[in-house]
Protein backbone atom coordinates (compact mmCIF):
# COMPACT_ATOMS: atom_id res chain seq x y z
CA UNK A 1 -13.35 138.58 -133.53
CA UNK A 2 -15.48 139.81 -136.41
CA UNK A 3 -14.61 143.04 -138.21
CA UNK A 4 -18.28 144.01 -137.88
CA UNK A 5 -18.39 143.45 -134.11
CA UNK A 6 -18.23 145.85 -131.18
CA UNK A 7 -15.13 144.00 -129.97
CA UNK A 8 -13.20 144.94 -133.11
CA UNK A 9 -14.36 148.55 -132.90
CA UNK A 10 -12.66 148.61 -129.48
CA UNK A 11 -9.69 146.41 -130.38
CA UNK A 12 -8.59 148.40 -133.45
CA UNK A 13 -8.24 151.86 -131.83
CA UNK A 14 -6.42 150.43 -128.79
CA UNK A 15 -4.02 148.51 -131.04
CA UNK A 16 -3.40 151.54 -133.24
CA UNK A 17 -2.71 153.81 -130.25
CA UNK A 18 -0.21 151.33 -128.82
CA UNK A 19 1.40 150.88 -132.23
CA UNK A 20 1.99 154.59 -132.72
CA UNK A 21 3.09 155.55 -129.19
CA UNK A 22 5.48 152.65 -128.55
CA UNK A 23 9.18 152.76 -129.50
CA UNK A 24 10.17 151.14 -132.80
CA UNK A 25 11.89 148.19 -131.10
CA UNK A 26 8.71 146.90 -129.50
CA UNK A 27 6.15 147.93 -132.14
CA UNK A 28 6.24 144.59 -133.96
CA UNK A 29 6.31 142.38 -130.83
CA UNK A 30 3.23 144.21 -129.49
CA UNK A 31 1.54 144.02 -132.90
CA UNK A 32 2.29 140.29 -132.98
CA UNK A 33 0.71 139.83 -129.54
CA UNK A 34 -2.31 141.84 -130.69
CA UNK A 35 -2.63 139.63 -133.79
CA UNK A 36 -2.57 136.46 -131.70
CA UNK A 37 -5.10 137.98 -129.28
CA UNK A 38 -7.30 138.79 -132.30
CA UNK A 39 -7.08 135.18 -133.50
CA UNK A 40 -7.56 133.62 -130.07
CA UNK A 41 -10.99 135.24 -129.76
CA UNK A 42 -12.36 132.37 -131.87
CA UNK A 43 -10.66 129.31 -130.39
CA UNK A 44 -7.58 130.01 -128.21
CA UNK A 45 -6.08 126.52 -128.57
CA UNK A 46 -5.78 126.86 -132.34
CA UNK A 47 -3.39 129.78 -131.93
CA UNK A 48 -0.85 127.08 -131.01
CA UNK A 49 -1.53 125.40 -134.35
CA UNK A 50 -0.86 128.64 -136.19
CA UNK A 51 2.31 129.18 -134.11
CA UNK A 52 3.49 125.68 -135.06
CA UNK A 53 2.90 126.42 -138.75
CA UNK A 54 4.81 129.69 -138.40
CA UNK A 55 7.74 128.02 -136.64
CA UNK A 56 7.88 125.17 -139.16
CA UNK A 57 7.98 127.47 -142.19
CA UNK A 58 10.40 129.88 -140.51
CA UNK A 59 12.99 127.20 -139.69
CA UNK A 60 12.48 125.38 -142.99
CA UNK A 61 13.07 128.69 -144.76
CA UNK A 62 16.39 129.08 -142.96
CA UNK A 63 17.35 125.48 -143.68
CA UNK A 64 16.46 125.89 -147.35
CA UNK A 65 18.40 129.14 -147.57
CA UNK A 66 21.53 127.67 -145.97
CA UNK A 67 21.13 124.35 -147.83
CA UNK A 68 21.83 122.42 -144.63
CA UNK A 69 23.28 118.97 -145.42
CA UNK A 70 23.13 120.04 -149.07
CA UNK A 71 19.45 119.04 -149.13
CA UNK A 72 17.69 122.20 -150.23
CA UNK A 73 14.72 120.34 -151.71
CA UNK A 74 14.42 118.08 -148.65
CA UNK A 75 13.56 121.01 -146.37
CA UNK A 76 11.03 122.39 -148.85
CA UNK A 77 9.32 119.00 -149.12
CA UNK A 78 9.34 118.67 -145.32
CA UNK A 79 7.74 122.11 -144.99
CA UNK A 80 5.07 121.21 -147.56
CA UNK A 81 4.33 117.91 -145.84
CA UNK A 82 4.01 119.53 -142.41
CA UNK A 83 1.72 122.37 -143.45
CA UNK A 84 -0.36 120.50 -146.01
CA UNK A 85 -0.57 117.64 -143.51
CA UNK A 86 -2.06 119.97 -140.91
CA UNK A 87 -4.48 121.33 -143.50
CA UNK A 88 -5.45 117.80 -144.55
CA UNK A 89 -6.10 116.56 -141.02
CA UNK A 90 -8.22 119.51 -139.92
CA UNK A 91 -10.01 120.30 -143.16
CA UNK A 92 -10.02 117.29 -145.50
CA UNK A 93 -9.61 114.08 -143.52
CA UNK A 94 -13.33 113.57 -142.87
CA UNK A 95 -14.21 114.48 -146.47
CA UNK A 96 -11.85 111.91 -147.97
CA UNK A 97 -12.79 109.35 -145.32
CA UNK A 98 -16.51 109.75 -146.09
CA UNK A 99 -15.89 109.71 -149.86
CA UNK A 100 -13.74 106.56 -149.67
CA UNK A 101 -16.27 104.97 -147.32
CA UNK A 102 -19.06 105.61 -149.84
CA UNK A 103 -16.96 103.97 -152.58
CA UNK A 104 -16.13 100.82 -150.59
CA UNK A 105 -19.55 100.69 -148.92
CA UNK A 106 -18.17 100.88 -145.41
CA UNK A 107 -18.21 103.57 -142.73
CA UNK A 108 -14.64 104.67 -142.05
CA UNK A 109 -13.15 106.57 -139.13
CA UNK A 110 -13.72 110.35 -138.88
CA UNK A 111 -12.22 112.99 -136.60
CA UNK A 112 -14.21 115.25 -134.32
CA UNK A 113 -12.21 118.41 -135.01
CA UNK A 114 -13.29 122.03 -135.34
CA UNK A 115 -12.03 123.69 -138.52
CA UNK A 116 -9.56 126.42 -137.46
CA UNK A 117 -10.61 129.82 -138.75
CA UNK A 118 -8.40 131.12 -141.57
CA UNK A 119 -6.24 127.98 -141.78
CA UNK A 120 -6.32 127.89 -145.58
CA UNK A 121 -5.22 131.52 -145.79
CA UNK A 122 -2.31 131.57 -143.35
CA UNK A 123 -1.09 128.14 -144.51
CA UNK A 124 -0.90 129.26 -148.14
CA UNK A 125 0.78 132.52 -147.15
CA UNK A 126 3.43 130.67 -145.15
CA UNK A 127 3.98 128.09 -147.91
CA UNK A 128 4.35 130.83 -150.49
CA UNK A 129 7.18 132.28 -148.39
CA UNK A 130 9.06 128.97 -148.21
CA UNK A 131 8.69 128.34 -151.95
CA UNK A 132 9.96 131.86 -152.70
CA UNK A 133 13.03 131.21 -150.53
CA UNK A 134 13.62 127.89 -152.31
CA UNK A 135 13.43 129.59 -155.71
CA UNK A 136 15.80 132.32 -154.59
CA UNK A 137 13.20 135.03 -155.17
CA UNK A 138 13.67 136.33 -151.62
CA UNK A 139 16.13 135.85 -148.79
CA UNK A 140 15.08 133.87 -145.75
CA UNK A 141 13.77 136.12 -142.98
CA UNK A 142 16.06 135.87 -139.96
CA UNK A 143 13.93 137.87 -137.53
CA UNK A 144 11.34 135.45 -136.13
CA UNK A 145 9.10 138.23 -134.80
CA UNK A 146 8.89 139.95 -138.18
CA UNK A 147 8.20 136.66 -139.97
CA UNK A 148 5.56 135.58 -137.43
CA UNK A 149 3.89 138.97 -137.80
CA UNK A 150 3.91 138.60 -141.59
CA UNK A 151 1.91 135.36 -141.31
CA UNK A 152 -0.38 136.43 -138.46
CA UNK A 153 -0.89 140.16 -139.20
CA UNK A 154 -4.43 140.56 -137.88
CA UNK A 155 -6.09 142.60 -140.68
CA UNK A 156 -5.54 139.89 -143.31
CA UNK A 157 -5.10 136.86 -141.07
CA UNK A 158 -8.52 135.21 -141.32
CA UNK A 159 -9.67 135.82 -144.91
CA UNK A 160 -6.81 137.40 -146.78
CA UNK A 161 -5.65 138.80 -149.01
CA UNK A 162 -2.96 136.10 -149.20
CA UNK A 163 0.08 138.34 -149.15
CA UNK A 164 3.63 137.88 -150.40
CA UNK A 165 6.69 138.30 -148.21
CA UNK A 166 8.30 140.83 -150.54
CA UNK A 167 5.36 143.17 -150.14
CA UNK A 168 4.61 142.98 -146.42
CA UNK A 169 7.83 142.20 -144.52
CA UNK A 170 9.74 145.31 -145.75
CA UNK A 171 6.75 147.43 -144.69
CA UNK A 172 6.62 145.79 -141.26
CA UNK A 173 10.30 146.58 -140.68
CA UNK A 174 9.79 150.32 -141.20
CA UNK A 175 9.07 152.77 -138.41
CA UNK A 176 5.61 154.09 -139.16
CA UNK A 177 4.41 157.33 -137.60
CA UNK A 178 0.83 158.47 -137.32
CA UNK A 179 -0.37 160.42 -140.36
CA UNK A 180 -3.85 161.87 -140.65
CA UNK A 181 -4.00 161.08 -144.37
CA UNK A 182 -3.61 157.37 -143.59
CA UNK A 183 -6.35 157.55 -140.96
CA UNK A 184 -8.59 159.39 -143.41
CA UNK A 185 -8.09 156.93 -146.27
CA UNK A 186 -8.20 153.85 -144.04
CA UNK A 187 -11.35 154.94 -142.24
CA UNK A 188 -13.19 155.46 -145.54
CA UNK A 189 -12.20 151.97 -146.69
CA UNK A 190 -13.40 150.48 -143.38
CA UNK A 191 -16.73 152.31 -143.61
CA UNK A 192 -17.22 151.25 -147.23
CA UNK A 193 -16.47 147.65 -146.29
CA UNK A 194 -18.85 147.71 -143.32
CA UNK A 195 -21.63 149.06 -145.54
CA UNK A 196 -21.10 146.30 -148.12
CA UNK A 197 -21.10 143.66 -145.38
CA UNK A 198 -23.84 144.82 -143.02
CA UNK A 199 -26.23 146.54 -145.41
CA UNK A 200 -25.88 144.49 -148.60
CA UNK A 201 -24.30 141.08 -147.93
CA UNK A 202 -26.08 140.26 -144.67
CA UNK A 203 -29.50 141.34 -145.97
CA UNK A 204 -29.05 139.37 -149.19
CA UNK A 205 -27.97 136.39 -147.07
CA UNK A 206 -31.50 136.32 -145.59
CA UNK A 207 -32.99 135.83 -149.05
CA UNK A 208 -30.37 133.29 -150.09
CA UNK A 209 -30.67 131.23 -146.91
CA UNK A 210 -34.48 131.33 -147.02
CA UNK A 211 -34.55 129.85 -150.51
CA UNK A 212 -31.54 127.53 -150.49
CA UNK A 213 -32.39 126.01 -147.10
CA UNK A 214 -35.99 125.20 -148.11
CA UNK A 215 -35.97 124.47 -151.84
CA UNK A 216 -39.32 122.61 -152.14
CA UNK A 217 -41.15 125.69 -150.81
CA UNK A 218 -39.83 127.94 -153.57
CA UNK A 219 -40.22 128.30 -157.31
CA UNK A 220 -37.62 128.22 -160.04
CA UNK A 221 -37.71 131.98 -160.56
CA UNK A 222 -37.21 132.48 -156.82
CA UNK A 223 -34.17 130.23 -157.04
CA UNK A 224 -32.83 132.31 -159.94
CA UNK A 225 -33.39 135.47 -157.92
CA UNK A 226 -31.73 133.94 -154.84
CA UNK A 227 -28.73 132.86 -156.92
CA UNK A 228 -28.25 136.38 -158.30
CA UNK A 229 -28.60 137.65 -154.72
CA UNK A 230 -25.88 135.19 -153.70
CA UNK A 231 -23.59 136.48 -156.45
CA UNK A 232 -23.73 139.93 -154.88
CA UNK A 233 -23.81 138.59 -151.33
CA UNK A 234 -20.53 136.71 -151.64
CA UNK A 235 -18.90 139.55 -153.58
CA UNK A 236 -19.95 142.17 -151.02
CA UNK A 237 -19.13 139.89 -148.09
CA UNK A 238 -15.65 138.91 -149.25
CA UNK A 239 -14.67 142.26 -150.75
CA UNK A 240 -15.94 143.93 -147.57
CA UNK A 241 -13.49 141.87 -145.52
CA UNK A 242 -10.68 142.85 -147.89
CA UNK A 243 -11.66 146.53 -147.71
CA UNK A 244 -11.75 146.54 -143.91
CA UNK A 245 -8.44 144.66 -143.82
CA UNK A 246 -6.82 147.12 -146.22
CA UNK A 247 -8.31 150.07 -144.33
CA UNK A 248 -7.09 148.81 -140.95
CA UNK A 249 -3.58 148.23 -142.33
CA UNK A 250 -3.50 151.53 -144.20
CA UNK A 251 -4.02 153.48 -140.97
CA UNK A 252 -0.67 151.96 -139.91
CA UNK A 253 0.76 152.99 -143.30
CA UNK A 254 0.92 149.34 -144.41
CA UNK A 255 -0.48 148.69 -147.88
CA UNK A 256 -2.18 145.34 -148.53
CA UNK A 257 -2.85 144.21 -152.07
CA UNK A 258 -6.22 144.81 -153.68
CA UNK A 259 -8.16 141.54 -153.82
CA UNK A 260 -11.02 142.51 -156.14
CA UNK A 261 -11.28 144.58 -159.29
CA UNK A 262 -14.91 144.89 -160.38
CA UNK A 263 -15.20 141.13 -161.16
CA UNK A 264 -18.70 141.20 -162.65
CA UNK A 265 -17.41 143.59 -165.28
CA UNK A 266 -15.43 140.68 -166.76
CA UNK A 267 -16.12 139.68 -170.37
CA UNK A 268 -14.64 136.18 -170.06
CA UNK A 269 -14.22 133.65 -167.27
CA UNK A 270 -10.45 134.07 -167.56
CA UNK A 271 -10.85 137.80 -166.98
CA UNK A 272 -13.24 137.09 -164.10
CA UNK A 273 -10.46 135.21 -162.30
CA UNK A 274 -8.06 138.06 -162.91
CA UNK A 275 -10.50 140.29 -161.05
CA UNK A 276 -11.89 137.92 -158.37
CA UNK A 277 -9.90 136.90 -155.27
CA UNK A 278 -6.76 138.17 -156.98
CA UNK A 279 -4.38 137.04 -154.24
CA UNK A 280 -5.55 133.41 -154.47
CA UNK A 281 -5.61 133.43 -158.29
CA UNK A 282 -2.03 134.71 -158.46
CA UNK A 283 -0.96 132.24 -155.75
CA UNK A 284 -2.23 129.28 -157.78
CA UNK A 285 -0.75 130.73 -160.96
CA UNK A 286 2.72 131.16 -159.44
CA UNK A 287 2.92 128.05 -157.26
CA UNK A 288 0.84 125.46 -159.17
CA UNK A 289 0.00 126.50 -162.75
CA UNK A 290 3.52 127.58 -163.76
CA UNK A 291 5.24 124.55 -162.13
CA UNK A 292 2.83 122.30 -164.07
CA UNK A 293 4.04 123.91 -167.28
CA UNK A 294 1.70 126.88 -167.54
CA UNK A 295 0.80 127.81 -171.10
CA UNK A 296 4.24 126.96 -172.55
CA UNK A 297 3.25 123.51 -173.69
CA UNK A 298 0.75 121.78 -175.98
CA UNK A 299 -2.85 122.93 -175.97
CA UNK A 300 -3.94 119.61 -174.45
CA UNK A 301 -1.44 120.00 -171.62
CA UNK A 302 -2.51 123.62 -171.04
CA UNK A 303 -6.11 122.44 -170.68
CA UNK A 304 -4.98 119.74 -168.24
CA UNK A 305 -3.02 122.28 -166.20
CA UNK A 306 -6.01 124.62 -166.04
CA UNK A 307 -8.34 121.83 -164.93
CA UNK A 308 -5.94 120.70 -162.18
CA UNK A 309 -5.62 124.27 -160.87
CA UNK A 310 -9.38 124.76 -160.68
CA UNK A 311 -10.01 121.36 -159.12
CA UNK A 312 -7.49 122.23 -156.40
CA UNK A 313 -9.03 125.71 -156.11
CA UNK A 314 -12.46 124.16 -155.59
CA UNK A 315 -11.09 121.84 -152.93
CA UNK A 316 -9.29 124.77 -151.27
CA UNK A 317 -12.63 126.52 -150.86
CA UNK A 318 -14.24 123.66 -149.03
CA UNK A 319 -14.17 119.94 -148.23
CA UNK A 320 -17.33 119.04 -150.13
CA UNK A 321 -18.19 117.72 -153.59
CA UNK A 322 -20.13 120.91 -154.35
CA UNK A 323 -16.90 122.92 -154.20
CA UNK A 324 -14.97 120.35 -156.23
CA UNK A 325 -17.60 120.36 -158.98
CA UNK A 326 -17.76 124.18 -158.83
CA UNK A 327 -14.01 124.32 -159.38
CA UNK A 328 -14.21 121.73 -162.16
CA UNK A 329 -16.94 123.73 -163.89
CA UNK A 330 -14.79 126.87 -163.86
CA UNK A 331 -11.95 124.78 -165.25
CA UNK A 332 -14.22 123.54 -168.05
CA UNK A 333 -15.26 127.14 -168.76
CA UNK A 334 -11.60 128.07 -169.15
CA UNK A 335 -10.89 125.07 -171.38
CA UNK A 336 -13.84 125.98 -173.59
CA UNK A 337 -12.41 129.48 -173.84
CA UNK A 338 -9.04 128.07 -174.95
CA UNK A 339 -10.66 125.80 -177.55
CA UNK A 340 -12.88 128.47 -179.14
CA UNK A 341 -10.27 131.24 -178.94
CA UNK A 342 -9.25 130.89 -182.64
CA UNK A 343 -12.89 131.32 -183.68
CA UNK A 344 -13.23 134.28 -181.37
CA UNK A 345 -10.14 135.95 -182.82
CA UNK A 346 -11.49 135.53 -186.35
CA UNK A 347 -14.78 137.06 -185.22
CA UNK A 348 -12.93 140.10 -183.87
CA UNK A 349 -11.56 140.73 -187.35
CA UNK A 350 -15.15 141.15 -188.56
CA UNK A 351 -16.64 142.83 -185.47
CA UNK A 352 -14.67 145.30 -183.37
CA UNK A 353 -13.79 143.70 -180.05
CA UNK A 354 -14.78 146.91 -178.26
CA UNK A 355 -18.18 147.19 -179.93
CA UNK A 356 -20.53 148.27 -177.08
CA UNK A 357 -23.18 145.69 -177.97
CA UNK A 358 -20.58 142.92 -178.07
CA UNK A 359 -19.07 144.08 -174.78
CA UNK A 360 -22.48 144.02 -173.06
CA UNK A 361 -23.29 140.62 -174.57
CA UNK A 362 -19.99 139.09 -173.46
CA UNK A 363 -20.34 140.58 -169.97
CA UNK A 364 -23.88 139.18 -169.60
CA UNK A 365 -22.85 135.73 -170.81
CA UNK A 366 -19.91 135.68 -168.39
CA UNK A 367 -22.15 136.77 -165.50
CA UNK A 368 -24.63 134.02 -166.44
CA UNK A 369 -21.89 131.36 -166.46
CA UNK A 370 -20.57 132.58 -163.10
CA UNK A 371 -24.07 132.39 -161.60
CA UNK A 372 -24.59 128.85 -162.89
CA UNK A 373 -21.42 127.93 -161.03
CA UNK A 374 -22.53 129.85 -157.91
CA UNK A 375 -25.46 127.43 -157.61
CA UNK A 376 -22.98 124.64 -156.96
CA UNK A 377 -20.92 126.81 -154.60
CA UNK A 378 -23.91 127.73 -152.43
CA UNK A 379 -26.04 124.57 -152.61
CA UNK A 380 -26.05 122.46 -149.47
CA UNK A 381 -25.39 119.31 -151.54
CA UNK A 382 -25.03 118.14 -155.13
CA UNK A 383 -28.59 116.80 -155.02
CA UNK A 384 -29.82 120.26 -153.99
CA UNK A 385 -27.92 121.79 -156.91
CA UNK A 386 -29.54 119.31 -159.32
CA UNK A 387 -32.96 120.13 -157.83
CA UNK A 388 -32.36 123.84 -158.43
CA UNK A 389 -31.33 123.35 -162.05
CA UNK A 390 -34.38 121.12 -162.67
CA UNK A 391 -36.71 123.67 -161.06
CA UNK A 392 -35.31 126.47 -163.21
CA UNK A 393 -35.79 124.64 -166.51
CA UNK A 394 -39.16 123.06 -165.60
CA UNK A 395 -41.77 125.59 -166.72
CA UNK A 396 -44.54 124.59 -164.28
CA UNK A 397 -42.19 125.20 -161.32
CA UNK A 398 -40.91 128.60 -162.38
CA UNK A 399 -43.56 131.10 -161.27
CA UNK A 400 -44.64 133.06 -159.25
CA UNK A 401 -41.89 135.23 -157.76
CA UNK A 402 -43.77 136.11 -154.53
CA UNK A 403 -41.26 138.47 -152.91
CA UNK A 404 -43.04 138.24 -149.56
CA UNK A 405 -41.84 134.67 -149.01
CA UNK A 406 -38.14 135.44 -149.39
CA UNK A 407 -37.42 136.55 -145.82
CA UNK A 408 -37.18 140.32 -146.44
CA UNK A 409 -39.94 142.85 -146.89
CA UNK A 410 -40.50 144.40 -150.32
CA UNK A 411 -39.28 147.78 -149.03
CA UNK A 412 -36.09 146.26 -147.65
CA UNK A 413 -35.47 144.49 -150.96
CA UNK A 414 -35.81 147.85 -152.72
CA UNK A 415 -33.34 149.47 -150.32
CA UNK A 416 -30.80 146.68 -150.82
CA UNK A 417 -31.39 146.80 -154.58
CA UNK A 418 -30.61 150.53 -154.62
CA UNK A 419 -27.47 149.87 -152.55
CA UNK A 420 -26.35 147.22 -155.07
CA UNK A 421 -26.88 149.64 -157.96
CA UNK A 422 -24.84 152.32 -156.13
CA UNK A 423 -22.12 149.75 -155.45
CA UNK A 424 -21.94 148.78 -159.13
CA UNK A 425 -21.77 152.42 -160.23
CA UNK A 426 -19.01 153.20 -157.71
CA UNK A 427 -17.07 150.09 -158.76
CA UNK A 428 -17.33 151.01 -162.44
CA UNK A 429 -16.23 154.58 -161.81
CA UNK A 430 -13.48 153.43 -159.46
CA UNK A 431 -12.04 151.16 -162.15
CA UNK A 432 -11.11 154.32 -164.12
CA UNK A 433 -11.02 157.14 -161.59
CA UNK A 434 -10.22 156.78 -157.84
CA UNK A 435 -13.47 157.71 -156.11
CA UNK A 436 -11.85 157.88 -152.65
CA UNK A 437 -9.40 160.56 -153.79
CA UNK A 438 -12.25 162.68 -155.13
CA UNK A 439 -14.22 162.30 -151.87
CA UNK A 440 -11.22 163.12 -149.69
CA UNK A 441 -10.38 166.31 -151.59
CA UNK A 442 -13.28 168.17 -149.99
CA UNK A 443 -13.74 168.15 -146.21
CA UNK A 444 -17.50 168.75 -146.39
CA UNK A 445 -18.05 165.97 -148.93
CA UNK A 446 -15.87 163.57 -146.98
CA UNK A 447 -17.78 163.97 -143.72
CA UNK A 448 -21.10 163.97 -145.55
CA UNK A 449 -20.21 160.57 -147.03
CA UNK A 450 -19.16 159.35 -143.57
CA UNK A 451 -22.54 160.36 -142.12
CA UNK A 452 -24.53 158.84 -145.00
CA UNK A 453 -22.71 155.50 -144.78
CA UNK A 454 -23.02 155.36 -140.98
CA UNK A 455 -26.74 156.15 -141.10
CA UNK A 456 -27.27 153.52 -143.82
CA UNK A 457 -25.46 150.93 -141.69
CA UNK A 458 -27.38 151.74 -138.51
CA UNK A 459 -30.81 152.05 -140.15
CA UNK A 460 -30.75 149.31 -142.79
CA UNK A 461 -28.00 146.99 -141.56
CA UNK A 462 -28.83 143.40 -140.74
CA UNK A 463 -27.40 142.15 -137.45
CA UNK A 464 -29.30 138.95 -136.78
CA UNK A 465 -31.22 138.01 -133.65
CA UNK A 466 -30.15 140.19 -130.76
CA UNK A 467 -28.00 142.31 -133.09
CA UNK A 468 -25.42 139.55 -133.46
CA UNK A 469 -22.78 140.32 -136.10
CA UNK A 470 -22.85 137.84 -138.98
CA UNK A 471 -19.72 135.85 -139.79
CA UNK A 472 -17.97 136.47 -143.07
CA UNK A 473 -18.59 133.76 -145.67
CA UNK A 474 -14.90 132.99 -146.22
CA UNK A 475 -14.29 132.26 -142.52
CA UNK A 476 -15.31 128.67 -143.27
CA UNK A 477 -12.52 128.29 -145.83
């Protein structure tokens, strides 16, 4: 069930009404059933897979907490093997089989399995819980319903944010009553997310798909333009999901973590990852980077730790060499930042770090590096990525731009361009002053914004052939 579908626009109000009118004792069981119904709209059978993952981590958490047979680590390892094993079979088996087959020159066995939607998200969320119990950071959750709801809570089930037990479970245990202020704030977040998805991301996807799926028919400058379009497509697409998730949960007075913080404002790649997909970045930091030694070791070891984290992050995003190389490239960026940091610090003694020209220059360089990496992320294969880079640096293949061949009309490109500019301005303002609070202070302004966003969605939104809602990019991860 897509957030941008008619089904969800019916599902959400019905779920909210039931949630608020039912007694406290059955709120969470009904919400759990609603979450499984939400998930089963894609492939019903895979709800059993998610239930198995939930049960495995729930019981392993109890076994770890009680140190059954005095083998605390045994139950953690068992939990990791079960959940990562499921993830490997459904997401990575064919990739490793094909890769190994290419190395040995023999075709190996592959599995005809459909990738379960959201498996990487709910698996990591469940594993984070078990590791926290093992570390003693939290107590094992004894109520199976509350724990199952924590993992399967429908707003953030499919594409995050990857939440922590300490944030969500205590909120789920409270008795939440309907409050207009929550409806007001949540509805604005949902509308803002829908606009980013339907008006910006889905229209930009037309340009990106047109170019990236037919590279020989397009010039280098068109590929540059399509790559920049993809940078904003994936940001608007993924942050839209997070906004709609946060808005849906907020109506129930449940606060999900913010997953994005104006990422293209970053002045370094390290800062970019503090602002982009924050829940995943912090997950890897807490459960992989720190256990490897973090930054409390030699510089060489720190660089190794960083590279491992980003290689795993690339593989988490997708079972393809393009994602692995994309992750490796971001790891190399970070290592370069570590190596040149002493030089950079000496430079800041000569030039003020906050010099506007230097800030703009660093932001532009970071955005350029991120876009170079996005080529690998979006390309259909490594050979396609190489073709794009060659076309960009080969002068005779650069021009012309020829907007008319990019899948959208010139007028539609202008509309989307204006929407992107508005988005950037709102994001920049919102990083210092909460725009939503200002809008919600005045009734007239609030409803005016509602009408403007709704009209923009209906008039300029892209819905595909037959007004089909477009899937969110991160569903495939």
